[in-house]
N, C-alpha and C. Protein backbone atom coordinates (compact mmCIF):
# COMPACT_ATOMS: atom_id res chain seq x y z
N MET A 1 -6.55 -5.61 11.92
CA MET A 1 -6.74 -6.85 12.64
C MET A 1 -5.38 -7.33 13.18
N PRO A 2 -5.33 -7.72 14.46
CA PRO A 2 -4.08 -8.22 15.02
C PRO A 2 -3.63 -9.51 14.33
N ALA A 3 -2.36 -9.81 14.49
CA ALA A 3 -1.78 -11.02 13.89
C ALA A 3 -2.39 -12.26 14.52
N PRO A 4 -2.36 -13.38 13.79
CA PRO A 4 -2.79 -14.64 14.41
C PRO A 4 -1.84 -15.01 15.55
N ASP A 5 -2.29 -15.91 16.40
CA ASP A 5 -1.48 -16.34 17.54
C ASP A 5 -0.15 -16.92 17.06
N PHE A 6 0.92 -16.59 17.80
CA PHE A 6 2.22 -17.19 17.53
C PHE A 6 3.13 -17.01 18.72
N VAL A 7 4.21 -17.79 18.75
CA VAL A 7 5.25 -17.69 19.77
C VAL A 7 6.58 -17.58 19.04
N PHE A 8 7.42 -16.66 19.50
CA PHE A 8 8.76 -16.51 18.95
C PHE A 8 9.72 -16.39 20.12
N SER A 9 10.76 -17.21 20.12
CA SER A 9 11.75 -17.18 21.20
C SER A 9 13.14 -16.99 20.62
N VAL A 10 13.97 -16.30 21.40
CA VAL A 10 15.35 -16.09 20.99
C VAL A 10 16.24 -16.18 22.22
N ARG A 11 17.42 -16.75 22.05
CA ARG A 11 18.42 -16.80 23.13
C ARG A 11 19.58 -15.91 22.71
N LEU A 12 19.95 -15.03 23.60
CA LEU A 12 21.06 -14.11 23.35
C LEU A 12 22.18 -14.46 24.32
N ALA A 13 23.39 -14.61 23.79
CA ALA A 13 24.52 -14.99 24.63
C ALA A 13 25.79 -14.37 24.10
N GLY A 14 26.79 -14.30 24.96
CA GLY A 14 28.10 -13.82 24.55
C GLY A 14 28.47 -12.53 25.22
N CYS A 15 29.69 -12.11 24.96
CA CYS A 15 30.23 -10.92 25.60
C CYS A 15 29.94 -9.65 24.82
N GLU A 16 29.63 -9.77 23.55
CA GLU A 16 29.37 -8.59 22.73
C GLU A 16 27.99 -8.02 23.07
N PRO A 17 27.87 -6.70 23.07
CA PRO A 17 26.54 -6.11 23.30
C PRO A 17 25.56 -6.55 22.20
N PHE A 18 24.36 -6.90 22.61
CA PHE A 18 23.37 -7.34 21.63
C PHE A 18 22.11 -6.51 21.68
N ASP A 19 22.18 -5.31 22.29
CA ASP A 19 21.00 -4.47 22.40
C ASP A 19 20.44 -4.06 21.04
N HIS A 20 21.33 -3.79 20.07
CA HIS A 20 20.87 -3.39 18.75
C HIS A 20 20.12 -4.54 18.07
N VAL A 21 20.67 -5.73 18.15
CA VAL A 21 20.03 -6.91 17.55
C VAL A 21 18.69 -7.17 18.23
N LEU A 22 18.68 -7.14 19.55
CA LEU A 22 17.44 -7.38 20.28
C LEU A 22 16.39 -6.33 19.92
N GLY A 23 16.80 -5.08 19.83
CA GLY A 23 15.86 -4.02 19.47
C GLY A 23 15.25 -4.23 18.10
N ASP A 24 16.08 -4.62 17.13
CA ASP A 24 15.58 -4.88 15.78
C ASP A 24 14.62 -6.06 15.75
N VAL A 25 14.99 -7.14 16.42
CA VAL A 25 14.14 -8.33 16.45
C VAL A 25 12.81 -8.02 17.16
N ALA A 26 12.90 -7.37 18.31
CA ALA A 26 11.70 -7.04 19.07
C ALA A 26 10.77 -6.12 18.28
N ALA A 27 11.32 -5.11 17.64
CA ALA A 27 10.50 -4.19 16.86
C ALA A 27 9.78 -4.93 15.74
N THR A 28 10.47 -5.85 15.10
CA THR A 28 9.86 -6.63 14.02
C THR A 28 8.72 -7.49 14.55
N VAL A 29 8.94 -8.15 15.68
CA VAL A 29 7.90 -8.99 16.28
C VAL A 29 6.70 -8.14 16.70
N PHE A 30 6.96 -7.02 17.36
CA PHE A 30 5.86 -6.15 17.80
C PHE A 30 5.05 -5.62 16.62
N ARG A 31 5.73 -5.22 15.55
CA ARG A 31 5.01 -4.75 14.35
C ARG A 31 4.19 -5.88 13.75
N HIS A 32 4.77 -7.07 13.68
CA HIS A 32 4.05 -8.23 13.15
C HIS A 32 2.81 -8.54 14.00
N ALA A 33 2.93 -8.34 15.30
CA ALA A 33 1.80 -8.57 16.21
C ALA A 33 0.70 -7.55 16.02
N GLY A 34 1.02 -6.42 15.38
CA GLY A 34 0.02 -5.40 15.14
C GLY A 34 0.12 -4.20 16.06
N CYS A 35 1.21 -4.06 16.79
CA CYS A 35 1.38 -2.92 17.69
C CYS A 35 1.59 -1.63 16.90
N SER A 36 1.10 -0.54 17.43
CA SER A 36 1.30 0.76 16.81
C SER A 36 2.77 1.18 16.90
N ALA A 37 3.15 2.16 16.10
CA ALA A 37 4.54 2.64 16.12
C ALA A 37 4.93 3.14 17.51
N ALA A 38 4.03 3.84 18.17
CA ALA A 38 4.33 4.35 19.52
C ALA A 38 4.52 3.20 20.51
N ALA A 39 3.66 2.18 20.40
CA ALA A 39 3.78 1.03 21.30
C ALA A 39 5.08 0.27 21.03
N VAL A 40 5.45 0.11 19.76
CA VAL A 40 6.69 -0.57 19.40
C VAL A 40 7.87 0.14 20.05
N SER A 41 7.93 1.45 19.90
CA SER A 41 9.03 2.23 20.47
C SER A 41 9.09 2.08 21.99
N ASP A 42 7.95 2.18 22.63
CA ASP A 42 7.90 2.08 24.09
C ASP A 42 8.30 0.68 24.57
N LEU A 43 7.78 -0.35 23.92
CA LEU A 43 8.09 -1.72 24.33
C LEU A 43 9.56 -2.05 24.11
N VAL A 44 10.13 -1.60 23.00
CA VAL A 44 11.56 -1.84 22.73
C VAL A 44 12.42 -1.15 23.80
N THR A 45 12.06 0.07 24.15
CA THR A 45 12.79 0.81 25.19
C THR A 45 12.74 0.07 26.52
N GLN A 46 11.55 -0.39 26.91
CA GLN A 46 11.40 -1.11 28.17
C GLN A 46 12.18 -2.43 28.17
N LEU A 47 12.09 -3.16 27.07
CA LEU A 47 12.79 -4.44 26.96
C LEU A 47 14.30 -4.24 27.02
N SER A 48 14.80 -3.27 26.29
CA SER A 48 16.25 -2.99 26.29
C SER A 48 16.73 -2.62 27.69
N ALA A 49 15.96 -1.80 28.39
CA ALA A 49 16.34 -1.40 29.76
C ALA A 49 16.37 -2.61 30.70
N ALA A 50 15.40 -3.50 30.55
CA ALA A 50 15.37 -4.70 31.40
C ALA A 50 16.58 -5.58 31.15
N VAL A 51 16.93 -5.79 29.89
CA VAL A 51 18.07 -6.64 29.56
C VAL A 51 19.38 -5.98 29.98
N GLU A 52 19.53 -4.69 29.69
CA GLU A 52 20.78 -3.98 30.03
C GLU A 52 21.04 -4.00 31.53
N SER A 53 19.98 -3.92 32.32
CA SER A 53 20.16 -3.88 33.78
C SER A 53 20.66 -5.22 34.34
N HIS A 54 20.56 -6.29 33.56
CA HIS A 54 21.00 -7.61 34.02
C HIS A 54 22.19 -8.16 33.22
N ALA A 55 22.65 -7.40 32.24
CA ALA A 55 23.74 -7.88 31.39
C ALA A 55 25.06 -7.84 32.15
N ASP A 56 25.76 -8.97 32.15
CA ASP A 56 27.06 -9.02 32.82
C ASP A 56 28.14 -9.56 31.88
N GLY A 57 27.79 -9.74 30.61
CA GLY A 57 28.75 -10.24 29.64
C GLY A 57 28.89 -11.74 29.61
N GLU A 58 28.29 -12.41 30.57
CA GLU A 58 28.37 -13.87 30.62
C GLU A 58 27.01 -14.53 30.59
N SER A 59 25.98 -13.78 30.88
CA SER A 59 24.64 -14.35 30.97
C SER A 59 24.05 -14.63 29.60
N GLU A 60 23.22 -15.66 29.56
CA GLU A 60 22.39 -15.93 28.41
C GLU A 60 20.99 -15.44 28.74
N PHE A 61 20.40 -14.71 27.81
CA PHE A 61 19.05 -14.21 27.98
C PHE A 61 18.12 -14.98 27.05
N ASP A 62 17.01 -15.44 27.59
CA ASP A 62 15.97 -16.04 26.77
C ASP A 62 14.82 -15.03 26.73
N VAL A 63 14.41 -14.69 25.53
CA VAL A 63 13.31 -13.74 25.35
C VAL A 63 12.23 -14.46 24.57
N GLN A 64 11.04 -14.50 25.14
CA GLN A 64 9.92 -15.14 24.47
C GLN A 64 8.81 -14.13 24.24
N PHE A 65 8.37 -14.08 23.00
CA PHE A 65 7.26 -13.22 22.59
C PHE A 65 6.06 -14.14 22.34
N ARG A 66 4.94 -13.87 22.98
CA ARG A 66 3.72 -14.65 22.77
C ARG A 66 2.61 -13.71 22.32
N VAL A 67 2.03 -14.00 21.19
CA VAL A 67 0.89 -13.23 20.72
C VAL A 67 -0.31 -14.16 20.76
N HIS A 68 -1.31 -13.76 21.53
CA HIS A 68 -2.48 -14.60 21.71
C HIS A 68 -3.70 -13.72 21.98
N ALA A 69 -4.75 -13.96 21.23
CA ALA A 69 -6.04 -13.29 21.45
C ALA A 69 -5.91 -11.77 21.54
N GLY A 70 -5.10 -11.19 20.67
CA GLY A 70 -4.97 -9.74 20.63
C GLY A 70 -4.07 -9.15 21.69
N SER A 71 -3.28 -9.98 22.34
CA SER A 71 -2.34 -9.51 23.36
C SER A 71 -0.94 -9.97 23.01
N CYS A 72 0.03 -9.11 23.24
CA CYS A 72 1.43 -9.44 23.00
C CYS A 72 2.13 -9.45 24.35
N GLU A 73 2.65 -10.61 24.74
CA GLU A 73 3.34 -10.76 26.01
C GLU A 73 4.82 -11.05 25.75
N VAL A 74 5.68 -10.46 26.57
CA VAL A 74 7.11 -10.69 26.46
C VAL A 74 7.62 -11.13 27.83
N VAL A 75 8.41 -12.21 27.83
CA VAL A 75 9.00 -12.72 29.06
C VAL A 75 10.50 -12.87 28.83
N VAL A 76 11.29 -12.31 29.75
CA VAL A 76 12.75 -12.42 29.68
C VAL A 76 13.22 -13.21 30.88
N THR A 77 14.05 -14.23 30.61
CA THR A 77 14.62 -15.02 31.69
C THR A 77 16.14 -15.07 31.56
N VAL A 78 16.80 -15.18 32.70
CA VAL A 78 18.24 -15.35 32.79
C VAL A 78 18.47 -16.52 33.74
N ARG A 79 19.20 -17.51 33.26
CA ARG A 79 19.47 -18.71 34.07
C ARG A 79 18.17 -19.29 34.67
N ASP A 80 17.16 -19.40 33.82
CA ASP A 80 15.85 -19.94 34.20
C ASP A 80 15.12 -19.11 35.26
N ARG A 81 15.52 -17.87 35.43
CA ARG A 81 14.85 -16.97 36.38
C ARG A 81 14.23 -15.82 35.61
N GLU A 82 12.93 -15.64 35.78
CA GLU A 82 12.25 -14.54 35.10
C GLU A 82 12.72 -13.21 35.67
N ILE A 83 13.17 -12.31 34.78
CA ILE A 83 13.62 -11.00 35.23
C ILE A 83 12.70 -9.88 34.76
N TRP A 84 11.85 -10.17 33.78
CA TRP A 84 10.98 -9.11 33.26
C TRP A 84 9.84 -9.73 32.48
N ARG A 85 8.68 -9.12 32.60
CA ARG A 85 7.49 -9.56 31.86
C ARG A 85 6.61 -8.34 31.62
N THR A 86 6.05 -8.29 30.44
CA THR A 86 5.08 -7.25 30.14
C THR A 86 4.07 -7.80 29.15
N SER A 87 2.94 -7.15 29.10
CA SER A 87 1.90 -7.53 28.16
C SER A 87 1.31 -6.25 27.57
N HIS A 88 1.00 -6.32 26.28
CA HIS A 88 0.44 -5.16 25.60
C HIS A 88 -0.78 -5.61 24.81
N LEU A 89 -1.92 -4.98 25.06
CA LEU A 89 -3.15 -5.29 24.35
C LEU A 89 -3.11 -4.64 22.98
N VAL A 90 -3.31 -5.44 21.95
CA VAL A 90 -3.36 -4.92 20.58
C VAL A 90 -4.82 -4.77 20.21
N THR A 91 -5.28 -3.52 20.16
CA THR A 91 -6.67 -3.25 19.85
C THR A 91 -6.79 -2.72 18.42
N SER A 92 -8.01 -2.65 17.93
CA SER A 92 -8.22 -2.17 16.58
C SER A 92 -7.82 -0.70 16.44
N GLU A 93 -7.81 0.05 17.55
CA GLU A 93 -7.42 1.46 17.48
C GLU A 93 -5.92 1.65 17.32
N ASN A 94 -5.12 0.69 17.78
CA ASN A 94 -3.66 0.90 17.69
C ASN A 94 -2.98 -0.08 16.73
N VAL A 95 -3.76 -0.81 15.98
CA VAL A 95 -3.16 -1.71 14.99
C VAL A 95 -2.52 -0.89 13.89
N ARG A 96 -1.32 -1.29 13.49
CA ARG A 96 -0.62 -0.56 12.44
C ARG A 96 -1.40 -0.59 11.16
N LYS A 97 -1.22 0.42 10.37
CA LYS A 97 -1.91 0.52 9.07
C LYS A 97 -0.93 0.44 7.97
């Protein structure tokens, strides 16, 4: 059964690379949402690529994870501008065991 509805947001800022931290946080959220191991890996890869392509060492990234009605949506914004969005359906076939 997928996780109950929830929202989790994080702001990443600074000059140090934060891809490792973001990957760990995202993987935890995706697993909690009920995503399969393959989906977690794929979503983390996509999210990391989206953030890395816009990282300039000065930008703040806002990442919001929304789990609602069996769907996990991720929205990334920089300076109040959406740069990436994806949604993943969490079905009973791919829920982690």
